[in-house]
Amino acid sequence: MTCRRMGRTLLLALLALLVTPAMADTPWTLVKTYPHDETAFTQGLFFHDGALYESTGLEGRSDIRKVALRTGKVLARRAVDRPYFGEGMVNWNDRIVSLTWRHRRGFVWRLDDFAPIADFRYEGEGWGLTQDGKSLIMSDGTAQLRFLDPDTLTEQRRITVSWNGRAVDRLNELEYVRGEIWANIWYDTKIARVDPSNGAVIDWVDISALRKAAGVTDSEAVANGIAWDSKRDRLFVTGKNWPKLFEIKVARAAE
């Protein structure tokens, strides 16, 4: 390479760094640390009536469970039969809706005792699931989020999640928090705060310090699991095979 071409290459690289916006980070503080089952390959998480509900993955080890927040004790569970690899789940009225990874099949369970009610089909993969009070919101590992009718479980619409015009893929576990969709990113410790109207990322919540505090070193022990207690405005986060679950406080925009 000539000196002129080398100089041009370096200049283009520097310009790219200058025009690529840096990721901002929403500040947070740690409120409390709770025990978490380190054998749980966490795929879905939500908070309801004083307890956590969690779905776990891996073929032959997948289940849905009710968990005591303070102790991490599993209060109730139901196995997801082979060959299914459990993924995200969410509550809707008196039901739980859960996904599986690559079998294009989801399940509906009774909330109070996990009794099976029905199953349903979808195209592509199933990853995360949450709800906004009107629709179920599903991730599939891409940059797209699907909005589903909560009763028929058919697709209503989609949005593409983007940050400064660039698609953000590997969207994983989801939670609806204060009118925003929060999304874990597979193999990343940043949580995307997504505008549900257009898919634009509002900002990022960096929880890399919590992964370190959890003491995990396995590359598969990624951050995955967001639950919001809307009544008390409490936010909980954890990860796959993390021995700890963390309550954090994130300032409101007006604060």
C-alpha atoms as a PDB file:
ATOM      1  CA  MET A   1       0.000   0.000   0.000  1.00  0.00           C
ATOM      2  CA  THR A   2       1.348   3.441  -0.938  1.00  0.00           C
ATOM      3  CA  CYS A   3       1.743   6.189   1.664  1.00  0.00           C
ATOM      4  CA  ARG A   4      -1.077   8.146   0.005  1.00  0.00           C
ATOM      5  CA  ARG A   5      -3.487   5.176   0.133  1.00  0.00           C
ATOM      6  CA  MET A   6      -2.451   4.396   3.714  1.00  0.00           C
ATOM      7  CA  GLY A   7      -3.054   7.995   4.735  1.00  0.00           C
ATOM      8  CA  ARG A   8      -6.480   7.981   3.084  1.00  0.00           C
ATOM      9  CA  THR A   9      -7.406   4.747   4.839  1.00  0.00           C
ATOM     10  CA  LEU A  10      -6.416   6.156   8.221  1.00  0.00           C
ATOM     11  CA  LEU A  11      -8.358   9.349   7.525  1.00  0.00           C
ATOM     12  CA  LEU A  12     -11.517   7.410   6.624  1.00  0.00           C
ATOM     13  CA  ALA A  13     -11.169   5.339   9.777  1.00  0.00           C
ATOM     14  CA  LEU A  14     -10.841   8.466  11.907  1.00  0.00           C
ATOM     15  CA  LEU A  15     -13.841  10.061  10.211  1.00  0.00           C
ATOM     16  CA  ALA A  16     -15.885   6.929  10.865  1.00  0.00           C
ATOM     17  CA  LEU A  17     -15.067   7.183  14.541  1.00  0.00           C
ATOM     18  CA  LEU A  18     -16.076  10.828  14.574  1.00  0.00           C
ATOM     19  CA  VAL A  19     -19.434  10.353  12.832  1.00  0.00           C
ATOM     20  CA  THR A  20     -20.470   7.192  14.713  1.00  0.00           C
ATOM     21  CA  PRO A  21     -22.429   8.335  17.777  1.00  0.00           C
ATOM     22  CA  ALA A  22     -21.261   6.953  21.104  1.00  0.00           C
ATOM     23  CA  MET A  23     -23.732   4.999  23.187  1.00  0.00           C
ATOM     24  CA  ALA A  24     -25.194   7.001  26.032  1.00  0.00           C
ATOM     25  CA  ASP A  25     -25.960   5.244  29.309  1.00  0.00           C
ATOM     26  CA  THR A  26     -28.945   5.741  31.583  1.00  0.00           C
ATOM     27  CA  PRO A  27     -27.623   6.041  35.164  1.00  0.00           C
ATOM     28  CA  TRP A  28     -28.804   3.570  37.793  1.00  0.00           C
ATOM     29  CA  THR A  29     -28.096   2.687  41.396  1.00  0.00           C
ATOM     30  CA  LEU A  30     -28.092  -0.692  43.102  1.00  0.00           C
ATOM     31  CA  VAL A  31     -30.869  -1.033  45.675  1.00  0.00           C
ATOM     32  CA  LYS A  32     -30.633  -4.638  46.822  1.00  0.00           C
ATOM     33  CA  THR A  33     -29.220  -8.056  45.948  1.00  0.00           C
ATOM     34  CA  TYR A  34     -31.277 -11.249  46.175  1.00  0.00           C
ATOM     35  CA  PRO A  35     -30.359 -14.922  45.741  1.00  0.00           C
ATOM     36  CA  HIS A  36     -31.080 -16.536  42.383  1.00  0.00           C
ATOM     37  CA  ASP A  37     -30.947 -20.173  41.318  1.00  0.00           C
ATOM     38  CA  GLU A  38     -27.601 -20.487  39.540  1.00  0.00           C
ATOM     39  CA  THR A  39     -28.828 -23.587  37.684  1.00  0.00           C
ATOM     40  CA  ALA A  40     -31.577 -21.513  36.024  1.00  0.00           C
ATOM     41  CA  PHE A  41     -30.780 -20.794  32.386  1.00  0.00           C
ATOM     42  CA  THR A  42     -33.013 -17.724  32.506  1.00  0.00           C
ATOM     43  CA  GLN A  43     -35.043 -17.005  29.380  1.00  0.00           C
ATOM     44  CA  GLY A  44     -38.051 -15.053  30.645  1.00  0.00           C
ATOM     45  CA  LEU A  45     -38.850 -13.092  33.791  1.00  0.00           C
ATOM     46  CA  PHE A  46     -41.762 -11.053  35.116  1.00  0.00           C
ATOM     47  CA  PHE A  47     -43.108  -9.869  38.477  1.00  0.00           C
ATOM     48  CA  HIS A  48     -46.702 -10.495  39.541  1.00  0.00           C
ATOM     49  CA  ASP A  49     -48.511 -10.285  42.879  1.00  0.00           C
ATOM     50  CA  GLY A  50     -45.379 -10.220  44.989  1.00  0.00           C
ATOM     51  CA  ALA A  51     -43.490 -13.036  43.263  1.00  0.00           C
ATOM     52  CA  LEU A  52     -41.192 -13.563  40.314  1.00  0.00           C
ATOM     53  CA  TYR A  53     -42.169 -15.837  37.458  1.00  0.00           C
ATOM     54  CA  GLU A  54     -39.310 -17.268  35.434  1.00  0.00           C
ATOM     55  CA  SER A  55     -38.874 -19.481  32.401  1.00  0.00           C
ATOM     56  CA  THR A  56     -35.690 -21.445  31.800  1.00  0.00           C
ATOM     57  CA  GLY A  57     -34.135 -23.011  28.727  1.00  0.00           C
ATOM     58  CA  LEU A  58     -32.022 -25.925  27.515  1.00  0.00           C
ATOM     59  CA  GLU A  59     -33.541 -29.088  26.102  1.00  0.00           C
ATOM     60  CA  GLY A  60     -34.631 -31.449  28.837  1.00  0.00           C
ATOM     61  CA  ARG A  61     -34.128 -28.786  31.519  1.00  0.00           C
ATOM     62  CA  SER A  62     -36.674 -26.159  30.480  1.00  0.00           C
ATOM     63  CA  ASP A  63     -39.444 -25.133  32.843  1.00  0.00           C
ATOM     64  CA  ILE A  64     -41.689 -22.328  34.029  1.00  0.00           C
ATOM     65  CA  ARG A  65     -41.603 -21.478  37.715  1.00  0.00           C
ATOM     66  CA  LYS A  66     -42.852 -19.188  40.460  1.00  0.00           C
ATOM     67  CA  VAL A  67     -40.038 -17.889  42.667  1.00  0.00           C
ATOM     68  CA  ALA A  68     -39.962 -16.156  46.050  1.00  0.00           C
ATOM     69  CA  LEU A  69     -38.194 -12.833  45.572  1.00  0.00           C
ATOM     70  CA  ARG A  70     -36.399 -12.610  48.932  1.00  0.00           C
ATOM     71  CA  THR A  71     -35.121 -16.183  49.122  1.00  0.00           C
ATOM     72  CA  GLY A  72     -34.944 -17.295  45.497  1.00  0.00           C
ATOM     73  CA  LYS A  73     -36.845 -20.446  46.501  1.00  0.00           C
ATOM     74  CA  VAL A  74     -38.844 -22.115  43.724  1.00  0.00           C
ATOM     75  CA  LEU A  75     -42.449 -22.149  44.958  1.00  0.00           C
ATOM     76  CA  ALA A  76     -43.960 -23.970  41.973  1.00  0.00           C
ATOM     77  CA  ARG A  77     -42.722 -25.259  38.654  1.00  0.00           C
ATOM     78  CA  ARG A  78     -43.775 -27.150  35.573  1.00  0.00           C
ATOM     79  CA  ALA A  79     -41.377 -28.819  33.191  1.00  0.00           C
ATOM     80  CA  VAL A  80     -41.504 -28.076  29.471  1.00  0.00           C
ATOM     81  CA  ASP A  81     -41.308 -31.481  27.821  1.00  0.00           C
ATOM     82  CA  ARG A  82     -38.597 -32.562  25.419  1.00  0.00           C
ATOM     83  CA  PRO A  83     -37.672 -31.739  22.733  1.00  0.00           C
ATOM     84  CA  TYR A  84     -38.626 -28.147  23.461  1.00  0.00           C
ATOM     85  CA  PHE A  85     -36.095 -25.497  24.450  1.00  0.00           C
ATOM     86  CA  GLY A  86     -37.984 -23.011  26.619  1.00  0.00           C
ATOM     87  CA  GLU A  87     -37.734 -19.310  25.910  1.00  0.00           C
ATOM     88  CA  GLY A  88     -39.519 -16.127  27.058  1.00  0.00           C
ATOM     89  CA  MET A  89     -42.880 -15.887  28.796  1.00  0.00           C
ATOM     90  CA  VAL A  90     -45.392 -13.308  30.009  1.00  0.00           C
ATOM     91  CA  ASN A  91     -48.654 -13.148  31.912  1.00  0.00           C
ATOM     92  CA  TRP A  92     -51.960 -12.115  30.370  1.00  0.00           C
ATOM     93  CA  ASN A  93     -54.991 -12.021  32.676  1.00  0.00           C
ATOM     94  CA  ASP A  94     -55.220 -15.485  34.275  1.00  0.00           C
ATOM     95  CA  ARG A  95     -52.794 -17.091  31.817  1.00  0.00           C
ATOM     96  CA  ILE A  96     -49.109 -17.415  31.076  1.00  0.00           C
ATOM     97  CA  VAL A  97     -47.922 -17.465  27.471  1.00  0.00           C
ATOM     98  CA  SER A  98     -44.512 -19.000  26.758  1.00  0.00           C
ATOM     99  CA  LEU A  99     -42.310 -19.531  23.713  1.00  0.00           C
ATOM    100  CA  THR A 100     -39.903 -22.194  22.514  1.00  0.00           C
ATOM    101  CA  TRP A 101     -36.739 -21.549  20.572  1.00  0.00           C
ATOM    102  CA  ARG A 102     -36.756 -23.307  17.205  1.00  0.00           C
ATOM    103  CA  HIS A 103     -39.891 -25.459  17.206  1.00  0.00           C
ATOM    104  CA  ARG A 104     -42.194 -22.573  16.205  1.00  0.00           C
ATOM    105  CA  ARG A 105     -44.567 -23.551  18.977  1.00  0.00           C
ATOM    106  CA  GLY A 106     -45.753 -21.642  22.013  1.00  0.00           C
ATOM    107  CA  PHE A 107     -47.801 -22.701  25.017  1.00  0.00           C
ATOM    108  CA  VAL A 108     -50.567 -21.201  27.131  1.00  0.00           C
ATOM    109  CA  TRP A 109     -50.709 -22.147  30.826  1.00  0.00           C
ATOM    110  CA  ARG A 110     -52.998 -21.326  33.710  1.00  0.00           C
ATOM    111  CA  LEU A 111     -51.347 -18.696  35.899  1.00  0.00           C
ATOM    112  CA  ASP A 112     -52.407 -20.084  39.255  1.00  0.00           C
ATOM    113  CA  ASP A 113     -51.251 -23.695  38.860  1.00  0.00           C
ATOM    114  CA  PHE A 114     -49.376 -23.878  35.504  1.00  0.00           C
ATOM    115  CA  ALA A 115     -51.938 -26.308  34.066  1.00  0.00           C
ATOM    116  CA  PRO A 116     -51.661 -26.440  30.249  1.00  0.00           C
ATOM    117  CA  ILE A 117     -54.486 -24.752  28.333  1.00  0.00           C
ATOM    118  CA  ALA A 118     -53.456 -24.566  24.675  1.00  0.00           C
ATOM    119  CA  ASP A 119     -50.608 -24.214  22.219  1.00  0.00           C
ATOM    120  CA  PHE A 120     -50.071 -21.995  19.183  1.00  0.00           C
ATOM    121  CA  ARG A 121     -47.763 -21.648  16.196  1.00  0.00           C
ATOM    122  CA  TYR A 122     -45.547 -18.857  14.882  1.00  0.00           C
ATOM    123  CA  GLU A 123     -42.946 -18.491  12.152  1.00  0.00           C
ATOM    124  CA  GLY A 124     -39.258 -18.158  12.917  1.00  0.00           C
ATOM    125  CA  GLU A 125     -37.671 -18.448  16.342  1.00  0.00           C
ATOM    126  CA  GLY A 126     -39.080 -17.530  19.738  1.00  0.00           C
ATOM    127  CA  TRP A 127     -36.887 -15.513  22.139  1.00  0.00           C
ATOM    128  CA  GLY A 128     -38.421 -12.913  24.492  1.00  0.00           C
ATOM    129  CA  LEU A 129     -41.966 -11.963  25.427  1.00  0.00           C
ATOM    130  CA  THR A 130     -43.670  -9.098  27.288  1.00  0.00           C
ATOM    131  CA  GLN A 131     -46.947  -7.155  27.123  1.00  0.00           C
ATOM    132  CA  ASP A 132     -48.062  -3.535  27.162  1.00  0.00           C
ATOM    133  CA  GLY A 133     -51.640  -4.037  28.362  1.00  0.00           C
ATOM    134  CA  LYS A 134     -52.942  -4.222  24.792  1.00  0.00           C
ATOM    135  CA  SER A 135     -50.644  -6.596  22.919  1.00  0.00           C
ATOM    136  CA  LEU A 136     -48.048  -9.249  23.579  1.00  0.00           C
ATOM    137  CA  ILE A 137     -44.616  -8.216  22.295  1.00  0.00           C
ATOM    138  CA  MET A 138     -42.248 -10.896  21.016  1.00  0.00           C
ATOM    139  CA  SER A 139     -38.585 -10.963  19.990  1.00  0.00           C
ATOM    140  CA  ASP A 140     -37.144 -13.560  17.622  1.00  0.00           C
ATOM    141  CA  GLY A 141     -33.387 -12.910  17.772  1.00  0.00           C
ATOM    142  CA  THR A 142     -33.444 -10.344  14.993  1.00  0.00           C
ATOM    143  CA  ALA A 143     -33.903  -6.566  15.144  1.00  0.00           C
ATOM    144  CA  GLN A 144     -37.669  -6.930  14.831  1.00  0.00           C
ATOM    145  CA  LEU A 145     -40.326  -7.012  17.525  1.00  0.00           C
ATOM    146  CA  ARG A 146     -43.715  -8.537  16.801  1.00  0.00           C
ATOM    147  CA  PHE A 147     -46.960  -7.358  18.384  1.00  0.00           C
ATOM    148  CA  LEU A 148     -49.441 -10.198  18.905  1.00  0.00           C
ATOM    149  CA  ASP A 149     -53.143 -10.205  19.682  1.00  0.00           C
ATOM    150  CA  PRO A 150     -53.207 -11.527  23.273  1.00  0.00           C
ATOM    151  CA  ASP A 151     -56.322 -13.617  22.703  1.00  0.00           C
ATOM    152  CA  THR A 152     -55.768 -15.089  19.236  1.00  0.00           C
ATOM    153  CA  LEU A 153     -51.938 -14.906  19.423  1.00  0.00           C
ATOM    154  CA  THR A 154     -51.842 -13.794  15.795  1.00  0.00           C
ATOM    155  CA  GLU A 155     -49.452 -11.114  14.611  1.00  0.00           C
ATOM    156  CA  GLN A 156     -50.740  -7.523  14.445  1.00  0.00           C
ATOM    157  CA  ARG A 157     -47.672  -5.546  13.396  1.00  0.00           C
ATOM    158  CA  ARG A 158     -43.884  -5.298  13.652  1.00  0.00           C
ATOM    159  CA  ILE A 159     -41.313  -2.665  14.407  1.00  0.00           C
ATOM    160  CA  THR A 160     -37.580  -2.699  13.673  1.00  0.00           C
ATOM    161  CA  VAL A 161     -35.392  -1.636  16.581  1.00  0.00           C
ATOM    162  CA  SER A 162     -32.650   0.805  15.618  1.00  0.00           C
ATOM    163  CA  TRP A 163     -30.020   3.037  17.195  1.00  0.00           C
ATOM    164  CA  ASN A 164     -29.141   6.159  15.208  1.00  0.00           C
ATOM    165  CA  GLY A 165     -30.464   4.554  12.032  1.00  0.00           C
ATOM    166  CA  ARG A 166     -28.724   1.197  12.503  1.00  0.00           C
ATOM    167  CA  ALA A 167     -30.692  -1.968  13.210  1.00  0.00           C
ATOM    168  CA  VAL A 168     -30.102  -3.522  16.632  1.00  0.00           C
ATOM    169  CA  ASP A 169     -30.336  -7.294  16.367  1.00  0.00           C
ATOM    170  CA  ARG A 170     -30.061 -10.159  18.886  1.00  0.00           C
ATOM    171  CA  LEU A 171     -32.997  -8.751  20.870  1.00  0.00           C
ATOM    172  CA  ASN A 172     -33.600 -11.213  23.680  1.00  0.00           C
ATOM    173  CA  GLU A 173     -35.602 -11.037  26.936  1.00  0.00           C
ATOM    174  CA  LEU A 174     -38.128  -8.198  27.061  1.00  0.00           C
ATOM    175  CA  GLU A 175     -39.944  -6.128  29.680  1.00  0.00           C
ATOM    176  CA  TYR A 176     -42.412  -3.252  29.348  1.00  0.00           C
ATOM    177  CA  VAL A 177     -41.220  -0.496  31.701  1.00  0.00           C
ATOM    178  CA  ARG A 178     -42.900   2.906  32.071  1.00  0.00           C
ATOM    179  CA  GLY A 179     -44.203   2.919  28.510  1.00  0.00           C
ATOM    180  CA  GLU A 180     -40.938   1.632  26.985  1.00  0.00           C
ATOM    181  CA  ILE A 181     -39.851  -1.804  25.808  1.00  0.00           C
ATOM    182  CA  TRP A 182     -36.642  -2.842  27.536  1.00  0.00           C
ATOM    183  CA  ALA A 183     -34.624  -5.504  25.734  1.00  0.00           C
ATOM    184  CA  ASN A 184     -31.598  -7.558  26.687  1.00  0.00           C
ATOM    185  CA  ILE A 185     -29.148  -7.982  23.817  1.00  0.00           C
ATOM    186  CA  TRP A 186     -27.723 -11.494  23.513  1.00  0.00           C
ATOM    187  CA  TYR A 187     -24.019 -11.542  24.462  1.00  0.00           C
ATOM    188  CA  ASP A 188     -24.153  -7.927  25.610  1.00  0.00           C
ATOM    189  CA  THR A 189     -24.578  -6.291  29.007  1.00  0.00           C
ATOM    190  CA  LYS A 190     -26.411  -3.270  27.638  1.00  0.00           C
ATOM    191  CA  ILE A 191     -30.204  -3.153  27.873  1.00  0.00           C
ATOM    192  CA  ALA A 192     -31.936  -1.213  25.098  1.00  0.00           C
ATOM    193  CA  ARG A 193     -34.757   1.163  26.040  1.00  0.00           C
ATOM    194  CA  VAL A 194     -37.000   1.057  22.989  1.00  0.00           C
ATOM    195  CA  ASP A 195     -39.746   3.444  21.858  1.00  0.00           C
ATOM    196  CA  PRO A 196     -42.670   1.093  21.037  1.00  0.00           C
ATOM    197  CA  SER A 197     -44.115   3.492  18.472  1.00  0.00           C
ATOM    198  CA  ASN A 198     -41.192   3.403  16.060  1.00  0.00           C
ATOM    199  CA  GLY A 199     -38.506   1.039  17.404  1.00  0.00           C
ATOM    200  CA  ALA A 200     -35.942   3.775  18.073  1.00  0.00           C
ATOM    201  CA  VAL A 201     -33.595   3.093  20.993  1.00  0.00           C
ATOM    202  CA  ILE A 202     -34.059   5.916  23.490  1.00  0.00           C
ATOM    203  CA  ASP A 203     -30.971   5.076  25.517  1.00  0.00           C
ATOM    204  CA  TRP A 204     -29.032   2.170  27.032  1.00  0.00           C
ATOM    205  CA  VAL A 205     -28.703   0.742  30.534  1.00  0.00           C
ATOM    206  CA  ASP A 206     -25.249  -0.757  31.034  1.00  0.00           C
ATOM    207  CA  ILE A 207     -25.301  -3.534  33.659  1.00  0.00           C
ATOM    208  CA  SER A 208     -21.793  -4.871  33.055  1.00  0.00           C
ATOM    209  CA  ALA A 209     -20.965  -4.104  36.700  1.00  0.00           C
ATOM    210  CA  LEU A 210     -23.754  -6.440  37.801  1.00  0.00           C
ATOM    211  CA  ARG A 211     -22.468  -9.316  35.707  1.00  0.00           C
ATOM    212  CA  LYS A 212     -19.140  -8.834  37.429  1.00  0.00           C
ATOM    213  CA  ALA A 213     -20.865  -8.674  40.828  1.00  0.00           C
ATOM    214  CA  ALA A 214     -22.690 -11.921  40.035  1.00  0.00           C
ATOM    215  CA  GLY A 215     -19.277 -13.597  39.759  1.00  0.00           C
ATOM    216  CA  VAL A 216     -19.983 -15.450  36.524  1.00  0.00           C
ATOM    217  CA  THR A 217     -17.255 -16.211  33.998  1.00  0.00           C
ATOM    218  CA  ASP A 218     -18.909 -18.642  31.566  1.00  0.00           C
ATOM    219  CA  SER A 219     -19.461 -16.947  28.204  1.00  0.00           C
ATOM    220  CA  GLU A 220     -23.003 -18.383  28.076  1.00  0.00           C
ATOM    221  CA  ALA A 221     -23.901 -16.764  31.432  1.00  0.00           C
ATOM    222  CA  VAL A 222     -25.162 -13.652  29.688  1.00  0.00           C
ATOM    223  CA  ALA A 223     -27.343 -10.902  31.098  1.00  0.00           C
ATOM    224  CA  ASN A 224     -30.927 -12.016  30.468  1.00  0.00           C
ATOM    225  CA  GLY A 225     -33.937 -11.300  32.619  1.00  0.00           C
ATOM    226  CA  ILE A 226     -35.746  -8.025  33.329  1.00  0.00           C
ATOM    227  CA  ALA A 227     -38.781  -7.739  35.614  1.00  0.00           C
ATOM    228  CA  TRP A 228     -40.664  -4.599  36.644  1.00  0.00           C
ATOM    229  CA  ASP A 229     -42.881  -4.281  39.693  1.00  0.00           C
ATOM    230  CA  SER A 230     -45.180  -1.531  38.409  1.00  0.00           C
ATOM    231  CA  LYS A 231     -47.017  -1.089  41.724  1.00  0.00           C
ATOM    232  CA  ARG A 232     -43.862  -0.255  43.671  1.00  0.00           C
ATOM    233  CA  ASP A 233     -41.766   0.911  40.720  1.00  0.00           C
ATOM    234  CA  ARG A 234     -39.051  -1.690  41.331  1.00  0.00           C
ATOM    235  CA  LEU A 235     -36.822  -3.053  38.599  1.00  0.00           C
ATOM    236  CA  PHE A 236     -35.079  -6.425  38.786  1.00  0.00           C
ATOM    237  CA  VAL A 237     -32.368  -7.807  36.504  1.00  0.00           C
ATOM    238  CA  THR A 238     -30.430 -11.068  36.352  1.00  0.00           C
ATOM    239  CA  GLY A 239     -28.803 -13.417  33.850  1.00  0.00           C
ATOM    240  CA  LYS A 240     -28.471 -17.017  32.734  1.00  0.00           C
ATOM    241  CA  ASN A 241     -26.995 -19.095  35.579  1.00  0.00           C
ATOM    242  CA  TRP A 242     -26.404 -16.027  37.723  1.00  0.00           C
ATOM    243  CA  PRO A 243     -26.446 -16.789  41.471  1.00  0.00           C
ATOM    244  CA  LYS A 244     -27.798 -13.298  42.140  1.00  0.00           C
ATOM    245  CA  LEU A 245     -30.734 -11.139  41.113  1.00  0.00           C
ATOM    246  CA  PHE A 246     -30.405  -7.376  41.477  1.00  0.00           C
ATOM    247  CA  GLU A 247     -32.902  -4.638  42.222  1.00  0.00           C
ATOM    248  CA  ILE A 248     -31.828  -1.378  40.632  1.00  0.00           C
ATOM    249  CA  LYS A 249     -33.258   2.111  40.563  1.00  0.00           C
ATOM    250  CA  VAL A 250     -33.234   3.980  37.274  1.00  0.00           C
ATOM    251  CA  ALA A 251     -34.076   7.660  37.388  1.00  0.00           C
ATOM    252  CA  ARG A 252     -37.130   8.853  35.506  1.00  0.00           C
ATOM    253  CA  ALA A 253     -36.508  11.264  32.647  1.00  0.00           C
ATOM    254  CA  ALA A 254     -37.956  14.146  34.638  1.00  0.00           C
ATOM    255  CA  GLU A 255     -35.808  13.445  37.710  1.00  0.00           C
END
